[in-house]
Amino acid sequence: MRKSYKLEDLDCANCAAKMEEAISKIPGVTKVSVNFMAQKMILEADDAVFDSVLKEAEKTIAKVEPDCRIIM
């Protein structure tokens, strides 16, 4: 499954790169892209674990940049 999410309060390109790197290491993630300029994340993961992967991605984003959140 592949879904695109709007990110709110993503402040810098460096943080976006850190998020992308950390999220890509979550088990079940097949591909992730965090775009600072577009304030967008594209997440691709196995259908069976997509919801749990998304929750882990949210936690990872909060660790890197506490003010940033995913708009559902």
PDB file of N, CA and C in Angstrom:
ATOM      1  N   MET A   1       0.842  -1.170   0.000  1.00  0.00           N
ATOM      2  CA  MET A   1       0.000   0.000   0.000  1.00  0.00           C
ATOM      3  C   MET A   1       0.892   1.241   0.000  1.00  0.00           C
ATOM      4  N   ARG A   2       0.461   2.229  -0.736  1.00  0.00           N
ATOM      5  CA  ARG A   2       1.209   3.481  -0.828  1.00  0.00           C
ATOM      6  C   ARG A   2       0.248   4.634  -0.562  1.00  0.00           C
ATOM      7  N   LYS A   3       0.609   5.480   0.393  1.00  0.00           N
ATOM      8  CA  LYS A   3      -0.241   6.629   0.721  1.00  0.00           C
ATOM      9  C   LYS A   3       0.612   7.872   0.885  1.00  0.00           C
ATOM     10  N   SER A   4      -0.020   8.993   0.617  1.00  0.00           N
ATOM     11  CA  SER A   4       0.638  10.287   0.737  1.00  0.00           C
ATOM     12  C   SER A   4      -0.015  11.065   1.871  1.00  0.00           C
ATOM     13  N   TYR A   5       0.809  11.725   2.685  1.00  0.00           N
ATOM     14  CA  TYR A   5       0.320  12.488   3.835  1.00  0.00           C
ATOM     15  C   TYR A   5       0.921  13.882   3.837  1.00  0.00           C
ATOM     16  N   LYS A   6       0.123  14.848   4.216  1.00  0.00           N
ATOM     17  CA  LYS A   6       0.583  16.221   4.393  1.00  0.00           C
ATOM     18  C   LYS A   6       1.214  16.318   5.776  1.00  0.00           C
ATOM     19  N   LEU A   7       2.347  17.010   5.862  1.00  0.00           N
ATOM     20  CA  LEU A   7       3.019  17.231   7.138  1.00  0.00           C
ATOM     21  C   LEU A   7       2.834  18.686   7.552  1.00  0.00           C
ATOM     22  N   GLU A   8       2.570  18.896   8.820  1.00  0.00           N
ATOM     23  CA  GLU A   8       2.384  20.246   9.344  1.00  0.00           C
ATOM     24  C   GLU A   8       3.562  20.607  10.244  1.00  0.00           C
ATOM     25  N   ASP A   9       4.087  21.803  10.063  1.00  0.00           N
ATOM     26  CA  ASP A   9       5.188  22.327  10.875  1.00  0.00           C
ATOM     27  C   ASP A   9       6.507  21.573  10.709  1.00  0.00           C
ATOM     28  N   LEU A  10       6.791  21.128   9.507  1.00  0.00           N
ATOM     29  CA  LEU A  10       8.103  20.566   9.193  1.00  0.00           C
ATOM     30  C   LEU A  10       9.012  21.750   8.899  1.00  0.00           C
ATOM     31  N   ASP A  11      10.012  21.989   9.765  1.00  0.00           N
ATOM     32  CA  ASP A  11      10.762  23.243   9.732  1.00  0.00           C
ATOM     33  C   ASP A  11      12.017  23.276   8.877  1.00  0.00           C
ATOM     34  N   CYS A  12      12.640  22.117   8.623  1.00  0.00           N
ATOM     35  CA  CYS A  12      13.889  22.188   7.851  1.00  0.00           C
ATOM     36  C   CYS A  12      14.129  20.926   7.033  1.00  0.00           C
ATOM     37  N   ALA A  13      14.918  21.087   5.991  1.00  0.00           N
ATOM     38  CA  ALA A  13      15.234  19.977   5.096  1.00  0.00           C
ATOM     39  C   ALA A  13      16.064  18.915   5.806  1.00  0.00           C
ATOM     40  N   ASN A  14      16.924  19.333   6.722  1.00  0.00           N
ATOM     41  CA  ASN A  14      17.740  18.385   7.473  1.00  0.00           C
ATOM     42  C   ASN A  14      16.855  17.461   8.317  1.00  0.00           C
ATOM     43  N   CYS A  15      15.844  18.034   8.950  1.00  0.00           N
ATOM     44  CA  CYS A  15      14.916  17.218   9.750  1.00  0.00           C
ATOM     45  C   CYS A  15      14.159  16.240   8.851  1.00  0.00           C
ATOM     46  N   ALA A  16      13.756  16.690   7.676  1.00  0.00           N
ATOM     47  CA  ALA A  16      13.056  15.816   6.732  1.00  0.00           C
ATOM     48  C   ALA A  16      13.942  14.637   6.347  1.00  0.00           C
ATOM     49  N   ALA A  17      15.217  14.892   6.113  1.00  0.00           N
ATOM     50  CA  ALA A  17      16.152  13.815   5.764  1.00  0.00           C
ATOM     51  C   ALA A  17      16.322  12.835   6.917  1.00  0.00           C
ATOM     52  N   LYS A  18      16.412  13.364   8.149  1.00  0.00           N
ATOM     53  CA  LYS A  18      16.530  12.493   9.326  1.00  0.00           C
ATOM     54  C   LYS A  18      15.282  11.628   9.489  1.00  0.00           C
ATOM     55  N   MET A  19      14.105  12.228   9.277  1.00  0.00           N
ATOM     56  CA  MET A  19      12.847  11.472   9.371  1.00  0.00           C
ATOM     57  C   MET A  19      12.812  10.359   8.338  1.00  0.00           C
ATOM     58  N   GLU A  20      13.167  10.701   7.109  1.00  0.00           N
ATOM     59  CA  GLU A  20      13.146   9.721   6.029  1.00  0.00           C
ATOM     60  C   GLU A  20      14.071   8.540   6.337  1.00  0.00           C
ATOM     61  N   GLU A  21      15.261   8.842   6.818  1.00  0.00           N
ATOM     62  CA  GLU A  21      16.219   7.786   7.139  1.00  0.00           C
ATOM     63  C   GLU A  21      15.705   6.893   8.269  1.00  0.00           C
ATOM     64  N   ALA A  22      15.162   7.499   9.319  1.00  0.00           N
ATOM     65  CA  ALA A  22      14.675   6.728  10.467  1.00  0.00           C
ATOM     66  C   ALA A  22      13.441   5.900  10.108  1.00  0.00           C
ATOM     67  N   ILE A  23      12.519   6.478   9.354  1.00  0.00           N
ATOM     68  CA  ILE A  23      11.290   5.759   8.973  1.00  0.00           C
ATOM     69  C   ILE A  23      11.621   4.596   8.051  1.00  0.00           C
ATOM     70  N   SER A  24      12.612   4.759   7.193  1.00  0.00           N
ATOM     71  CA  SER A  24      12.973   3.676   6.271  1.00  0.00           C
ATOM     72  C   SER A  24      13.470   2.433   7.005  1.00  0.00           C
ATOM     73  N   LYS A  25      13.910   2.591   8.263  1.00  0.00           N
ATOM     74  CA  LYS A  25      14.411   1.460   9.053  1.00  0.00           C
ATOM     75  C   LYS A  25      13.310   0.732   9.823  1.00  0.00           C
ATOM     76  N   ILE A  26      12.082   1.248   9.778  1.00  0.00           N
ATOM     77  CA  ILE A  26      10.965   0.594  10.471  1.00  0.00           C
ATOM     78  C   ILE A  26      10.627  -0.693   9.722  1.00  0.00           C
ATOM     79  N   PRO A  27      10.515  -1.823  10.439  1.00  0.00           N
ATOM     80  CA  PRO A  27      10.171  -3.089   9.772  1.00  0.00           C
ATOM     81  C   PRO A  27       8.828  -2.989   9.044  1.00  0.00           C
ATOM     82  N   GLY A  28       8.801  -3.412   7.788  1.00  0.00           N
ATOM     83  CA  GLY A  28       7.577  -3.379   7.003  1.00  0.00           C
ATOM     84  C   GLY A  28       7.555  -2.244   5.983  1.00  0.00           C
ATOM     85  N   VAL A  29       8.395  -1.238   6.175  1.00  0.00           N
ATOM     86  CA  VAL A  29       8.453  -0.116   5.234  1.00  0.00           C
ATOM     87  C   VAL A  29       9.212  -0.560   3.982  1.00  0.00           C
ATOM     88  N   THR A  30       8.579  -0.392   2.824  1.00  0.00           N
ATOM     89  CA  THR A  30       9.260  -0.734   1.582  1.00  0.00           C
ATOM     90  C   THR A  30       9.877   0.507   0.937  1.00  0.00           C
ATOM     91  N   LYS A  31       9.238   1.675   1.157  1.00  0.00           N
ATOM     92  CA  LYS A  31       9.776   2.925   0.615  1.00  0.00           C
ATOM     93  C   LYS A  31       9.150   4.100   1.357  1.00  0.00           C
ATOM     94  N   VAL A  32       9.946   5.138   1.577  1.00  0.00           N
ATOM     95  CA  VAL A  32       9.430   6.364   2.191  1.00  0.00           C
ATOM     96  C   VAL A  32      10.148   7.559   1.581  1.00  0.00           C
ATOM     97  N   SER A  33       9.395   8.635   1.429  1.00  0.00           N
ATOM     98  CA  SER A  33       9.952   9.882   0.926  1.00  0.00           C
ATOM     99  C   SER A  33       9.354  11.023   1.744  1.00  0.00           C
ATOM    100  N   VAL A  34      10.216  11.848   2.331  1.00  0.00           N
ATOM    101  CA  VAL A  34       9.771  13.025   3.079  1.00  0.00           C
ATOM    102  C   VAL A  34      10.295  14.246   2.330  1.00  0.00           C
ATOM    103  N   ASN A  35       9.385  15.061   1.834  1.00  0.00           N
ATOM    104  CA  ASN A  35       9.744  16.216   1.029  1.00  0.00           C
ATOM    105  C   ASN A  35       9.492  17.495   1.829  1.00  0.00           C
ATOM    106  N   PHE A  36      10.570  18.188   2.168  1.00  0.00           N
ATOM    107  CA  PHE A  36      10.454  19.428   2.946  1.00  0.00           C
ATOM    108  C   PHE A  36       9.716  20.515   2.183  1.00  0.00           C
ATOM    109  N   MET A  37      10.056  20.723   0.932  1.00  0.00           N
ATOM    110  CA  MET A  37       9.448  21.801   0.145  1.00  0.00           C
ATOM    111  C   MET A  37       7.942  21.596  -0.031  1.00  0.00           C
ATOM    112  N   ALA A  38       7.529  20.364  -0.239  1.00  0.00           N
ATOM    113  CA  ALA A  38       6.105  20.069  -0.432  1.00  0.00           C
ATOM    114  C   ALA A  38       5.385  19.828   0.893  1.00  0.00           C
ATOM    115  N   GLN A  39       6.158  19.720   1.992  1.00  0.00           N
ATOM    116  CA  GLN A  39       5.582  19.403   3.308  1.00  0.00           C
ATOM    117  C   GLN A  39       4.742  18.121   3.200  1.00  0.00           C
ATOM    118  N   LYS A  40       5.360  17.065   2.630  1.00  0.00           N
ATOM    119  CA  LYS A  40       4.629  15.854   2.306  1.00  0.00           C
ATOM    120  C   LYS A  40       5.472  14.613   2.577  1.00  0.00           C
ATOM    121  N   MET A  41       4.786  13.539   2.984  1.00  0.00           N
ATOM    122  CA  MET A  41       5.443  12.249   3.159  1.00  0.00           C
ATOM    123  C   MET A  41       4.687  11.213   2.340  1.00  0.00           C
ATOM    124  N   ILE A  42       5.431  10.423   1.578  1.00  0.00           N
ATOM    125  CA  ILE A  42       4.853   9.291   0.855  1.00  0.00           C
ATOM    126  C   ILE A  42       5.385   8.041   1.523  1.00  0.00           C
ATOM    127  N   LEU A  43       4.471   7.219   2.011  1.00  0.00           N
ATOM    128  CA  LEU A  43       4.827   6.008   2.752  1.00  0.00           C
ATOM    129  C   LEU A  43       4.315   4.792   2.010  1.00  0.00           C
ATOM    130  N   GLU A  44       5.204   3.837   1.804  1.00  0.00           N
ATOM    131  CA  GLU A  44       4.852   2.591   1.145  1.00  0.00           C
ATOM    132  C   GLU A  44       5.235   1.446   2.075  1.00  0.00           C
ATOM    133  N   ALA A  45       4.250   0.589   2.378  1.00  0.00           N
ATOM    134  CA  ALA A  45       4.492  -0.538   3.293  1.00  0.00           C
ATOM    135  C   ALA A  45       3.537  -1.675   2.953  1.00  0.00           C
ATOM    136  N   ASP A  46       3.835  -2.847   3.507  1.00  0.00           N
ATOM    137  CA  ASP A  46       2.970  -4.004   3.307  1.00  0.00           C
ATOM    138  C   ASP A  46       1.575  -3.713   3.871  1.00  0.00           C
ATOM    139  N   ASP A  47       0.539  -4.145   3.146  1.00  0.00           N
ATOM    140  CA  ASP A  47      -0.843  -3.890   3.567  1.00  0.00           C
ATOM    141  C   ASP A  47      -1.136  -4.422   4.961  1.00  0.00           C
ATOM    142  N   ALA A  48      -0.618  -5.601   5.277  1.00  0.00           N
ATOM    143  CA  ALA A  48      -0.919  -6.260   6.546  1.00  0.00           C
ATOM    144  C   ALA A  48      -0.422  -5.482   7.761  1.00  0.00           C
ATOM    145  N   VAL A  49       0.644  -4.711   7.597  1.00  0.00           N
ATOM    146  CA  VAL A  49       1.229  -3.994   8.739  1.00  0.00           C
ATOM    147  C   VAL A  49       1.193  -2.470   8.566  1.00  0.00           C
ATOM    148  N   PHE A  50       0.443  -1.991   7.575  1.00  0.00           N
ATOM    149  CA  PHE A  50       0.487  -0.560   7.257  1.00  0.00           C
ATOM    150  C   PHE A  50       0.106   0.323   8.447  1.00  0.00           C
ATOM    151  N   ASP A  51      -0.965  -0.022   9.153  1.00  0.00           N
ATOM    152  CA  ASP A  51      -1.410   0.810  10.276  1.00  0.00           C
ATOM    153  C   ASP A  51      -0.367   0.900  11.381  1.00  0.00           C
ATOM    154  N   SER A  52       0.263  -0.218  11.707  1.00  0.00           N
ATOM    155  CA  SER A  52       1.288  -0.195  12.755  1.00  0.00           C
ATOM    156  C   SER A  52       2.535   0.558  12.279  1.00  0.00           C
ATOM    157  N   VAL A  53       2.858   0.443  11.005  1.00  0.00           N
ATOM    158  CA  VAL A  53       3.990   1.176  10.441  1.00  0.00           C
ATOM    159  C   VAL A  53       3.720   2.684  10.500  1.00  0.00           C
ATOM    160  N   LEU A  54       2.504   3.080  10.188  1.00  0.00           N
ATOM    161  CA  LEU A  54       2.137   4.493  10.233  1.00  0.00           C
ATOM    162  C   LEU A  54       2.254   5.048  11.652  1.00  0.00           C
ATOM    163  N   LYS A  55       1.823   4.261  12.638  1.00  0.00           N
ATOM    164  CA  LYS A  55       1.938   4.703  14.039  1.00  0.00           C
ATOM    165  C   LYS A  55       3.400   4.854  14.449  1.00  0.00           C
ATOM    166  N   GLU A  56       4.242   3.933  14.031  1.00  0.00           N
ATOM    167  CA  GLU A  56       5.674   4.032  14.319  1.00  0.00           C
ATOM    168  C   GLU A  56       6.290   5.238  13.610  1.00  0.00           C
ATOM    169  N   ALA A  57       5.831   5.509  12.389  1.00  0.00           N
ATOM    170  CA  ALA A  57       6.319   6.671  11.645  1.00  0.00           C
ATOM    171  C   ALA A  57       5.944   7.962  12.374  1.00  0.00           C
ATOM    172  N   GLU A  58       4.740   8.012  12.930  1.00  0.00           N
ATOM    173  CA  GLU A  58       4.314   9.188  13.706  1.00  0.00           C
ATOM    174  C   GLU A  58       5.215   9.401  14.912  1.00  0.00           C
ATOM    175  N   LYS A  59       5.534   8.323  15.607  1.00  0.00           N
ATOM    176  CA  LYS A  59       6.415   8.408  16.775  1.00  0.00           C
ATOM    177  C   LYS A  59       7.811   8.887  16.366  1.00  0.00           C
ATOM    178  N   THR A  60       8.293   8.371  15.250  1.00  0.00           N
ATOM    179  CA  THR A  60       9.615   8.753  14.748  1.00  0.00           C
ATOM    180  C   THR A  60       9.649  10.230  14.388  1.00  0.00           C
ATOM    181  N   ILE A  61       8.613  10.704  13.723  1.00  0.00           N
ATOM    182  CA  ILE A  61       8.529  12.115  13.354  1.00  0.00           C
ATOM    183  C   ILE A  61       8.551  12.987  14.607  1.00  0.00           C
ATOM    184  N   ALA A  62       7.811  12.581  15.638  1.00  0.00           N
ATOM    185  CA  ALA A  62       7.764  13.344  16.890  1.00  0.00           C
ATOM    186  C   ALA A  62       9.126  13.392  17.579  1.00  0.00           C
ATOM    187  N   LYS A  63       9.901  12.318  17.463  1.00  0.00           N
ATOM    188  CA  LYS A  63      11.242  12.300  18.070  1.00  0.00           C
ATOM    189  C   LYS A  63      12.182  13.272  17.354  1.00  0.00           C
ATOM    190  N   VAL A  64      12.099  13.315  16.039  1.00  0.00           N
ATOM    191  CA  VAL A  64      12.981  14.169  15.246  1.00  0.00           C
ATOM    192  C   VAL A  64      12.568  15.635  15.366  1.00  0.00           C
ATOM    193  N   GLU A  65      11.299  15.884  15.234  1.00  0.00           N
ATOM    194  CA  GLU A  65      10.785  17.248  15.295  1.00  0.00           C
ATOM    195  C   GLU A  65       9.442  17.249  16.046  1.00  0.00           C
ATOM    196  N   PRO A  66       9.458  17.540  17.346  1.00  0.00           N
ATOM    197  CA  PRO A  66       8.264  17.414  18.192  1.00  0.00           C
ATOM    198  C   PRO A  66       7.033  18.197  17.728  1.00  0.00           C
ATOM    199  N   ASP A  67       7.219  19.306  17.028  1.00  0.00           N
ATOM    200  CA  ASP A  67       6.067  20.107  16.586  1.00  0.00           C
ATOM    201  C   ASP A  67       5.436  19.597  15.301  1.00  0.00           C
ATOM    202  N   CYS A  68       6.137  18.763  14.569  1.00  0.00           N
ATOM    203  CA  CYS A  68       5.641  18.270  13.276  1.00  0.00           C
ATOM    204  C   CYS A  68       4.631  17.149  13.494  1.00  0.00           C
ATOM    205  N   ARG A  69       3.567  17.179  12.666  1.00  0.00           N
ATOM    206  CA  ARG A  69       2.583  16.097  12.763  1.00  0.00           C
ATOM    207  C   ARG A  69       2.029  15.767  11.396  1.00  0.00           C
ATOM    208  N   ILE A  70       1.484  14.562  11.298  1.00  0.00           N
ATOM    209  CA  ILE A  70       0.893  14.075  10.045  1.00  0.00           C
ATOM    210  C   ILE A  70      -0.570  14.508  10.012  1.00  0.00           C
ATOM    211  N   ILE A  71      -0.978  15.102   8.889  1.00  0.00           N
ATOM    212  CA  ILE A  71      -2.376  15.477   8.695  1.00  0.00           C
ATOM    213  C   ILE A  71      -3.053  14.317   7.967  1.00  0.00           C
ATOM    214  N   MET A  72      -4.045  13.719   8.617  1.00  0.00           N
ATOM    215  CA  MET A  72      -4.736  12.564   8.030  1.00  0.00           C
ATOM    216  C   MET A  72      -5.850  13.008   7.104  1.00  0.00           C
TER     217      MET A  72
END
